């Protein structure tokens, strides 16, 4: 049995898409959004780091899609640190 059928999921949440149709609003996810919004208000740059698989890329992708058109964003993935 596939995990899609097992959990009653209609689409593959792990497929690379331009949509953030599936994400989990955990306490840490919401805290991350709050910190990113504070950064937006205060200006500047930041360095986001953490263990692999905890949702850093998902958080950034979701947040960037919510930004107004007047903002410009750049993501530099450097995994050889």
PDB file of N, CA and C in Angstrom:
ATOM      1  N   UNK A   1       0.849  -1.181   0.000  1.00  0.00           N
ATOM      2  CA  UNK A   1       0.000   0.000   0.000  1.00  0.00           C
ATOM      3  C   UNK A   1       0.895   1.245   0.000  1.00  0.00           C
ATOM      4  N   UNK A   2       0.581   2.192  -0.843  1.00  0.00           N
ATOM      5  CA  UNK A   2       1.379   3.414  -0.913  1.00  0.00           C
ATOM      6  C   UNK A   2       1.027   4.334   0.261  1.00  0.00           C
ATOM      7  N   UNK A   3       1.949   5.210   0.599  1.00  0.00           N
ATOM      8  CA  UNK A   3       1.684   6.138   1.695  1.00  0.00           C
ATOM      9  C   UNK A   3       0.562   7.113   1.336  1.00  0.00           C
ATOM     10  N   UNK A   4       0.360   7.390   0.031  1.00  0.00           N
ATOM     11  CA  UNK A   4      -0.737   8.271  -0.380  1.00  0.00           C
ATOM     12  C   UNK A   4      -2.075   7.666   0.031  1.00  0.00           C
ATOM     13  N   UNK A   5      -2.240   6.390  -0.256  1.00  0.00           N
ATOM     14  CA  UNK A   5      -3.473   5.705   0.100  1.00  0.00           C
ATOM     15  C   UNK A   5      -3.563   5.497   1.615  1.00  0.00           C
ATOM     16  N   UNK A   6      -2.436   5.138   2.220  1.00  0.00           N
ATOM     17  CA  UNK A   6      -2.390   4.874   3.662  1.00  0.00           C
ATOM     18  C   UNK A   6      -2.881   6.077   4.475  1.00  0.00           C
ATOM     19  N   UNK A   7      -2.442   7.281   4.089  1.00  0.00           N
ATOM     20  CA  UNK A   7      -2.771   8.477   4.856  1.00  0.00           C
ATOM     21  C   UNK A   7      -3.876   9.313   4.214  1.00  0.00           C
ATOM     22  N   UNK A   8      -4.465   8.815   3.121  1.00  0.00           N
ATOM     23  CA  UNK A   8      -5.562   9.531   2.474  1.00  0.00           C
ATOM     24  C   UNK A   8      -5.137  10.837   1.824  1.00  0.00           C
ATOM     25  N   UNK A   9      -3.912  10.873   1.283  1.00  0.00           N
ATOM     26  CA  UNK A   9      -3.386  12.072   0.641  1.00  0.00           C
ATOM     27  C   UNK A   9      -3.686  12.002  -0.850  1.00  0.00           C
ATOM     28  N   UNK A  10      -4.194  13.093  -1.402  1.00  0.00           N
ATOM     29  CA  UNK A  10      -4.578  13.098  -2.814  1.00  0.00           C
ATOM     30  C   UNK A  10      -3.417  13.376  -3.757  1.00  0.00           C
ATOM     31  N   UNK A  11      -2.456  14.203  -3.325  1.00  0.00           N
ATOM     32  CA  UNK A  11      -1.310  14.514  -4.171  1.00  0.00           C
ATOM     33  C   UNK A  11      -0.020  14.219  -3.425  1.00  0.00           C
ATOM     34  N   UNK A  12       1.055  14.048  -4.171  1.00  0.00           N
ATOM     35  CA  UNK A  12       2.347  13.721  -3.587  1.00  0.00           C
ATOM     36  C   UNK A  12       2.945  14.970  -2.934  1.00  0.00           C
ATOM     37  N   UNK A  13       3.054  15.023  -1.595  1.00  0.00           N
ATOM     38  CA  UNK A  13       3.586  16.216  -0.935  1.00  0.00           C
ATOM     39  C   UNK A  13       5.089  16.366  -1.105  1.00  0.00           C
ATOM     40  N   UNK A  14       5.782  15.326  -1.582  1.00  0.00           N
ATOM     41  CA  UNK A  14       7.228  15.367  -1.724  1.00  0.00           C
ATOM     42  C   UNK A  14       7.671  15.688  -3.147  1.00  0.00           C
ATOM     43  N   UNK A  15       6.731  15.835  -4.054  1.00  0.00           N
ATOM     44  CA  UNK A  15       7.043  16.159  -5.442  1.00  0.00           C
ATOM     45  C   UNK A  15       7.460  17.623  -5.535  1.00  0.00           C
ATOM     46  N   UNK A  16       8.526  17.876  -6.273  1.00  0.00           N
ATOM     47  CA  UNK A  16       9.004  19.251  -6.456  1.00  0.00           C
ATOM     48  C   UNK A  16       7.989  20.014  -7.297  1.00  0.00           C
ATOM     49  N   UNK A  17       7.366  21.000  -6.692  1.00  0.00           N
ATOM     50  CA  UNK A  17       6.419  21.851  -7.416  1.00  0.00           C
ATOM     51  C   UNK A  17       6.650  23.293  -7.016  1.00  0.00           C
ATOM     52  N   UNK A  18       5.974  24.181  -7.675  1.00  0.00           N
ATOM     53  CA  UNK A  18       6.037  25.590  -7.318  1.00  0.00           C
ATOM     54  C   UNK A  18       4.937  25.961  -6.333  1.00  0.00           C
ATOM     55  N   UNK A  19       4.209  24.988  -5.845  1.00  0.00           N
ATOM     56  CA  UNK A  19       3.124  25.233  -4.908  1.00  0.00           C
ATOM     57  C   UNK A  19       3.519  24.774  -3.520  1.00  0.00           C
ATOM     58  N   UNK A  20       2.987  25.452  -2.539  1.00  0.00           N
ATOM     59  CA  UNK A  20       3.147  24.998  -1.161  1.00  0.00           C
ATOM     60  C   UNK A  20       1.763  24.567  -0.687  1.00  0.00           C
ATOM     61  N   UNK A  21       1.221  23.552  -1.306  1.00  0.00           N
ATOM     62  CA  UNK A  21      -0.118  23.114  -0.967  1.00  0.00           C
ATOM     63  C   UNK A  21      -0.143  22.272   0.295  1.00  0.00           C
ATOM     64  N   UNK A  22       1.007  21.715   0.671  1.00  0.00           N
ATOM     65  CA  UNK A  22       1.055  20.881   1.862  1.00  0.00           C
ATOM     66  C   UNK A  22       2.210  21.328   2.744  1.00  0.00           C
ATOM     67  N   UNK A  23       1.874  21.832   3.901  1.00  0.00           N
ATOM     68  CA  UNK A  23       2.883  22.158   4.896  1.00  0.00           C
ATOM     69  C   UNK A  23       2.233  22.016   6.260  1.00  0.00           C
ATOM     70  N   UNK A  24       3.038  21.865   7.274  1.00  0.00           N
ATOM     71  CA  UNK A  24       2.542  21.646   8.620  1.00  0.00           C
ATOM     72  C   UNK A  24       2.843  22.871   9.462  1.00  0.00           C
ATOM     73  N   UNK A  25       1.797  23.509   9.971  1.00  0.00           N
ATOM     74  CA  UNK A  25       1.968  24.711  10.790  1.00  0.00           C
ATOM     75  C   UNK A  25       2.343  24.326  12.220  1.00  0.00           C
ATOM     76  N   UNK A  26       3.556  23.862  12.392  1.00  0.00           N
ATOM     77  CA  UNK A  26       4.029  23.515  13.730  1.00  0.00           C
ATOM     78  C   UNK A  26       4.389  24.790  14.481  1.00  0.00           C
ATOM     79  N   UNK A  27       4.656  24.646  15.765  1.00  0.00           N
ATOM     80  CA  UNK A  27       5.059  25.795  16.568  1.00  0.00           C
ATOM     81  C   UNK A  27       6.364  26.390  16.032  1.00  0.00           C
ATOM     82  N   UNK A  28       7.296  25.532  15.647  1.00  0.00           N
ATOM     83  CA  UNK A  28       8.573  26.034  15.129  1.00  0.00           C
ATOM     84  C   UNK A  28       8.400  26.684  13.756  1.00  0.00           C
ATOM     85  N   UNK A  29       7.487  26.161  12.930  1.00  0.00           N
ATOM     86  CA  UNK A  29       7.204  26.776  11.627  1.00  0.00           C
ATOM     87  C   UNK A  29       6.654  28.183  11.822  1.00  0.00           C
ATOM     88  N   UNK A  30       5.709  28.324  12.744  1.00  0.00           N
ATOM     89  CA  UNK A  30       5.104  29.628  12.992  1.00  0.00           C
ATOM     90  C   UNK A  30       6.117  30.598  13.618  1.00  0.00           C
ATOM     91  N   UNK A  31       6.995  30.088  14.473  1.00  0.00           N
ATOM     92  CA  UNK A  31       8.041  30.937  15.039  1.00  0.00           C
ATOM     93  C   UNK A  31       9.005  31.400  13.946  1.00  0.00           C
ATOM     94  N   UNK A  32       9.338  30.500  13.033  1.00  0.00           N
ATOM     95  CA  UNK A  32      10.195  30.864  11.910  1.00  0.00           C
ATOM     96  C   UNK A  32       9.579  31.956  11.064  1.00  0.00           C
ATOM     97  N   UNK A  33       8.276  31.853  10.795  1.00  0.00           N
ATOM     98  CA  UNK A  33       7.589  32.895  10.024  1.00  0.00           C
ATOM     99  C   UNK A  33       7.614  34.224  10.762  1.00  0.00           C
ATOM    100  N   UNK A  34       7.400  34.175  12.064  1.00  0.00           N
ATOM    101  CA  UNK A  34       7.419  35.409  12.857  1.00  0.00           C
ATOM    102  C   UNK A  34       8.799  36.061  12.806  1.00  0.00           C
ATOM    103  N   UNK A  35       9.849  35.255  12.891  1.00  0.00           N
ATOM    104  CA  UNK A  35      11.212  35.799  12.833  1.00  0.00           C
ATOM    105  C   UNK A  35      11.514  36.390  11.458  1.00  0.00           C
ATOM    106  N   UNK A  36      11.052  35.717  10.406  1.00  0.00           N
ATOM    107  CA  UNK A  36      11.273  36.239   9.055  1.00  0.00           C
ATOM    108  C   UNK A  36      10.514  37.550   8.855  1.00  0.00           C
ATOM    109  N   UNK A  37       9.302  37.637   9.376  1.00  0.00           N
ATOM    110  CA  UNK A  37       8.529  38.876   9.254  1.00  0.00           C
ATOM    111  C   UNK A  37       9.168  40.008  10.046  1.00  0.00           C
ATOM    112  N   UNK A  38       9.748  39.700  11.211  1.00  0.00           N
ATOM    113  CA  UNK A  38      10.466  40.708  11.984  1.00  0.00           C
ATOM    114  C   UNK A  38      11.684  41.197  11.205  1.00  0.00           C
ATOM    115  N   UNK A  39      12.383  40.275  10.574  1.00  0.00           N
ATOM    116  CA  UNK A  39      13.529  40.641   9.744  1.00  0.00           C
ATOM    117  C   UNK A  39      13.093  41.573   8.616  1.00  0.00           C
ATOM    118  N   UNK A  40      11.955  41.279   8.019  1.00  0.00           N
ATOM    119  CA  UNK A  40      11.439  42.102   6.926  1.00  0.00           C
ATOM    120  C   UNK A  40      11.178  43.527   7.399  1.00  0.00           C
ATOM    121  N   UNK A  41      10.638  43.665   8.608  1.00  0.00           N
ATOM    122  CA  UNK A  41      10.350  44.989   9.157  1.00  0.00           C
ATOM    123  C   UNK A  41      11.631  45.755   9.495  1.00  0.00           C
ATOM    124  N   UNK A  42      12.638  45.051   9.989  1.00  0.00           N
ATOM    125  CA  UNK A  42      13.853  45.724  10.436  1.00  0.00           C
ATOM    126  C   UNK A  42      14.899  45.864   9.332  1.00  0.00           C
ATOM    127  N   UNK A  43      14.776  45.082   8.276  1.00  0.00           N
ATOM    128  CA  UNK A  43      15.732  45.140   7.172  1.00  0.00           C
ATOM    129  C   UNK A  43      16.962  44.299   7.457  1.00  0.00           C
ATOM    130  N   UNK A  44      17.731  44.040   6.431  1.00  0.00           N
ATOM    131  CA  UNK A  44      18.973  43.312   6.613  1.00  0.00           C
ATOM    132  C   UNK A  44      18.984  41.975   5.902  1.00  0.00           C
ATOM    133  N   UNK A  45      19.990  41.197   6.239  1.00  0.00           N
ATOM    134  CA  UNK A  45      20.144  39.864   5.674  1.00  0.00           C
ATOM    135  C   UNK A  45      20.203  38.872   6.827  1.00  0.00           C
ATOM    136  N   UNK A  46      20.084  37.598   6.525  1.00  0.00           N
ATOM    137  CA  UNK A  46      20.142  36.607   7.588  1.00  0.00           C
ATOM    138  C   UNK A  46      20.719  35.303   7.067  1.00  0.00           C
ATOM    139  N   UNK A  47      21.072  34.462   7.979  1.00  0.00           N
ATOM    140  CA  UNK A  47      21.627  33.144   7.696  1.00  0.00           C
ATOM    141  C   UNK A  47      20.728  32.134   8.396  1.00  0.00           C
ATOM    142  N   UNK A  48      20.089  31.287   7.628  1.00  0.00           N
ATOM    143  CA  UNK A  48      19.200  30.262   8.178  1.00  0.00           C
ATOM    144  C   UNK A  48      19.924  28.928   8.115  1.00  0.00           C
ATOM    145  N   UNK A  49      20.044  28.264   9.239  1.00  0.00           N
ATOM    146  CA  UNK A  49      20.745  26.988   9.263  1.00  0.00           C
ATOM    147  C   UNK A  49      20.030  26.035  10.222  1.00  0.00           C
ATOM    148  N   UNK A  50      20.333  24.784  10.083  1.00  0.00           N
ATOM    149  CA  UNK A  50      19.757  23.761  10.952  1.00  0.00           C
ATOM    150  C   UNK A  50      19.965  22.396  10.344  1.00  0.00           C
ATOM    151  N   UNK A  51      19.558  21.386  11.069  1.00  0.00           N
ATOM    152  CA  UNK A  51      19.678  20.006  10.609  1.00  0.00           C
ATOM    153  C   UNK A  51      18.876  19.817   9.325  1.00  0.00           C
ATOM    154  N   UNK A  52      19.316  18.875   8.500  1.00  0.00           N
ATOM    155  CA  UNK A  52      18.603  18.606   7.252  1.00  0.00           C
ATOM    156  C   UNK A  52      17.257  17.968   7.562  1.00  0.00           C
ATOM    157  N   UNK A  53      16.289  18.305   6.722  1.00  0.00           N
ATOM    158  CA  UNK A  53      14.968  17.702   6.834  1.00  0.00           C
ATOM    159  C   UNK A  53      14.025  18.351   7.824  1.00  0.00           C
ATOM    160  N   UNK A  54      14.387  19.507   8.383  1.00  0.00           N
ATOM    161  CA  UNK A  54      13.495  20.118   9.367  1.00  0.00           C
ATOM    162  C   UNK A  54      12.562  21.172   8.761  1.00  0.00           C
ATOM    163  N   UNK A  55      12.720  21.463   7.468  1.00  0.00           N
ATOM    164  CA  UNK A  55      11.777  22.352   6.785  1.00  0.00           C
ATOM    165  C   UNK A  55      12.274  23.747   6.484  1.00  0.00           C
ATOM    166  N   UNK A  56      13.574  23.954   6.476  1.00  0.00           N
ATOM    167  CA  UNK A  56      14.114  25.282   6.176  1.00  0.00           C
ATOM    168  C   UNK A  56      13.704  25.741   4.782  1.00  0.00           C
ATOM    169  N   UNK A  57      13.890  24.897   3.799  1.00  0.00           N
ATOM    170  CA  UNK A  57      13.556  25.259   2.411  1.00  0.00           C
ATOM    171  C   UNK A  57      12.062  25.474   2.248  1.00  0.00           C
ATOM    172  N   UNK A  58      11.262  24.637   2.879  1.00  0.00           N
ATOM    173  CA  UNK A  58       9.807  24.783   2.798  1.00  0.00           C
ATOM    174  C   UNK A  58       9.363  26.097   3.427  1.00  0.00           C
ATOM    175  N   UNK A  59       9.931  26.430   4.581  1.00  0.00           N
ATOM    176  CA  UNK A  59       9.606  27.683   5.259  1.00  0.00           C
ATOM    177  C   UNK A  59       9.947  28.878   4.377  1.00  0.00           C
ATOM    178  N   UNK A  60      11.154  28.889   3.824  1.00  0.00           N
ATOM    179  CA  UNK A  60      11.559  30.006   2.965  1.00  0.00           C
ATOM    180  C   UNK A  60      10.703  30.105   1.712  1.00  0.00           C
ATOM    181  N   UNK A  61      10.430  28.972   1.084  1.00  0.00           N
ATOM    182  CA  UNK A  61       9.609  28.980  -0.132  1.00  0.00           C
ATOM    183  C   UNK A  61       8.226  29.538   0.148  1.00  0.00           C
ATOM    184  N   UNK A  62       7.621  29.099   1.236  1.00  0.00           N
ATOM    185  CA  UNK A  62       6.277  29.565   1.587  1.00  0.00           C
ATOM    186  C   UNK A  62       6.300  31.054   1.890  1.00  0.00           C
ATOM    187  N   UNK A  63       7.297  31.493   2.672  1.00  0.00           N
ATOM    188  CA  UNK A  63       7.390  32.893   3.071  1.00  0.00           C
ATOM    189  C   UNK A  63       7.620  33.805   1.873  1.00  0.00           C
ATOM    190  N   UNK A  64       8.516  33.409   0.980  1.00  0.00           N
ATOM    191  CA  UNK A  64       8.821  34.224  -0.196  1.00  0.00           C
ATOM    192  C   UNK A  64       7.588  34.387  -1.076  1.00  0.00           C
ATOM    193  N   UNK A  65       6.783  33.352  -1.204  1.00  0.00           N
ATOM    194  CA  UNK A  65       5.568  33.446  -2.019  1.00  0.00           C
ATOM    195  C   UNK A  65       4.558  34.426  -1.428  1.00  0.00           C
ATOM    196  N   UNK A  66       4.672  34.700  -0.119  1.00  0.00           N
ATOM    197  CA  UNK A  66       3.750  35.626   0.530  1.00  0.00           C
ATOM    198  C   UNK A  66       4.210  37.084   0.440  1.00  0.00           C
ATOM    199  N   UNK A  67       5.452  37.297   0.000  1.00  0.00           N
ATOM    200  CA  UNK A  67       5.989  38.654  -0.070  1.00  0.00           C
ATOM    201  C   UNK A  67       5.311  39.472  -1.166  1.00  0.00           C
ATOM    202  N   UNK A  68       5.245  40.750  -0.931  1.00  0.00           N
ATOM    203  CA  UNK A  68       4.709  41.656  -1.946  1.00  0.00           C
ATOM    204  C   UNK A  68       5.694  41.756  -3.102  1.00  0.00           C
ATOM    205  N   UNK A  69       5.215  42.212  -4.248  1.00  0.00           N
ATOM    206  CA  UNK A  69       6.045  42.318  -5.449  1.00  0.00           C
ATOM    207  C   UNK A  69       7.197  43.310  -5.300  1.00  0.00           C
ATOM    208  N   UNK A  70       7.096  44.231  -4.361  1.00  0.00           N
ATOM    209  CA  UNK A  70       8.159  45.238  -4.211  1.00  0.00           C
ATOM    210  C   UNK A  70       9.416  44.666  -3.568  1.00  0.00           C
ATOM    211  N   UNK A  71       9.345  43.444  -3.054  1.00  0.00           N
ATOM    212  CA  UNK A  71      10.506  42.807  -2.443  1.00  0.00           C
ATOM    213  C   UNK A  71      11.183  41.869  -3.430  1.00  0.00           C
ATOM    214  N   UNK A  72      12.486  41.774  -3.280  1.00  0.00           N
ATOM    215  CA  UNK A  72      13.279  40.869  -4.103  1.00  0.00           C
ATOM    216  C   UNK A  72      14.014  39.923  -3.164  1.00  0.00           C
ATOM    217  N   UNK A  73      14.055  38.653  -3.501  1.00  0.00           N
ATOM    218  CA  UNK A  73      14.698  37.677  -2.621  1.00  0.00           C
ATOM    219  C   UNK A  73      15.739  36.869  -3.387  1.00  0.00           C
ATOM    220  N   UNK A  74      16.728  36.408  -2.634  1.00  0.00           N
ATOM    221  CA  UNK A  74      17.775  35.564  -3.176  1.00  0.00           C
ATOM    222  C   UNK A  74      18.019  34.447  -2.178  1.00  0.00           C
ATOM    223  N   UNK A  75      18.064  33.225  -2.657  1.00  0.00           N
ATOM    224  CA  UNK A  75      18.401  32.089  -1.802  1.00  0.00           C
ATOM    225  C   UNK A  75      19.691  31.488  -2.352  1.00  0.00           C
ATOM    226  N   UNK A  76      20.679  31.399  -1.501  1.00  0.00           N
ATOM    227  CA  UNK A  76      21.951  30.776  -1.877  1.00  0.00           C
ATOM    228  C   UNK A  76      22.084  29.493  -1.070  1.00  0.00           C
ATOM    229  N   UNK A  77      21.992  28.379  -1.745  1.00  0.00           N
ATOM    230  CA  UNK A  77      22.162  27.082  -1.081  1.00  0.00           C
ATOM    231  C   UNK A  77      23.626  26.682  -1.155  1.00  0.00           C
ATOM    232  N   UNK A  78      24.234  26.581  -0.011  1.00  0.00           N
ATOM    233  CA  UNK A  78      25.636  26.163   0.049  1.00  0.00           C
ATOM    234  C   UNK A  78      25.724  25.045   1.081  1.00  0.00           C
ATOM    235  N   UNK A  79      25.686  23.832   0.623  1.00  0.00           N
ATOM    236  CA  UNK A  79      25.593  22.694   1.540  1.00  0.00           C
ATOM    237  C   UNK A  79      26.942  22.118   1.927  1.00  0.00           C
ATOM    238  N   UNK A  80      28.035  22.717   1.489  1.00  0.00           N
ATOM    239  CA  UNK A  80      29.357  22.188   1.794  1.00  0.00           C
ATOM    240  C   UNK A  80      30.000  22.870   2.989  1.00  0.00           C
ATOM    241  N   UNK A  81      29.198  23.473   3.858  1.00  0.00           N
ATOM    242  CA  UNK A  81      29.727  24.196   5.019  1.00  0.00           C
ATOM    243  C   UNK A  81      30.257  23.191   6.028  1.00  0.00           C
TER     244      UNK A  81
END
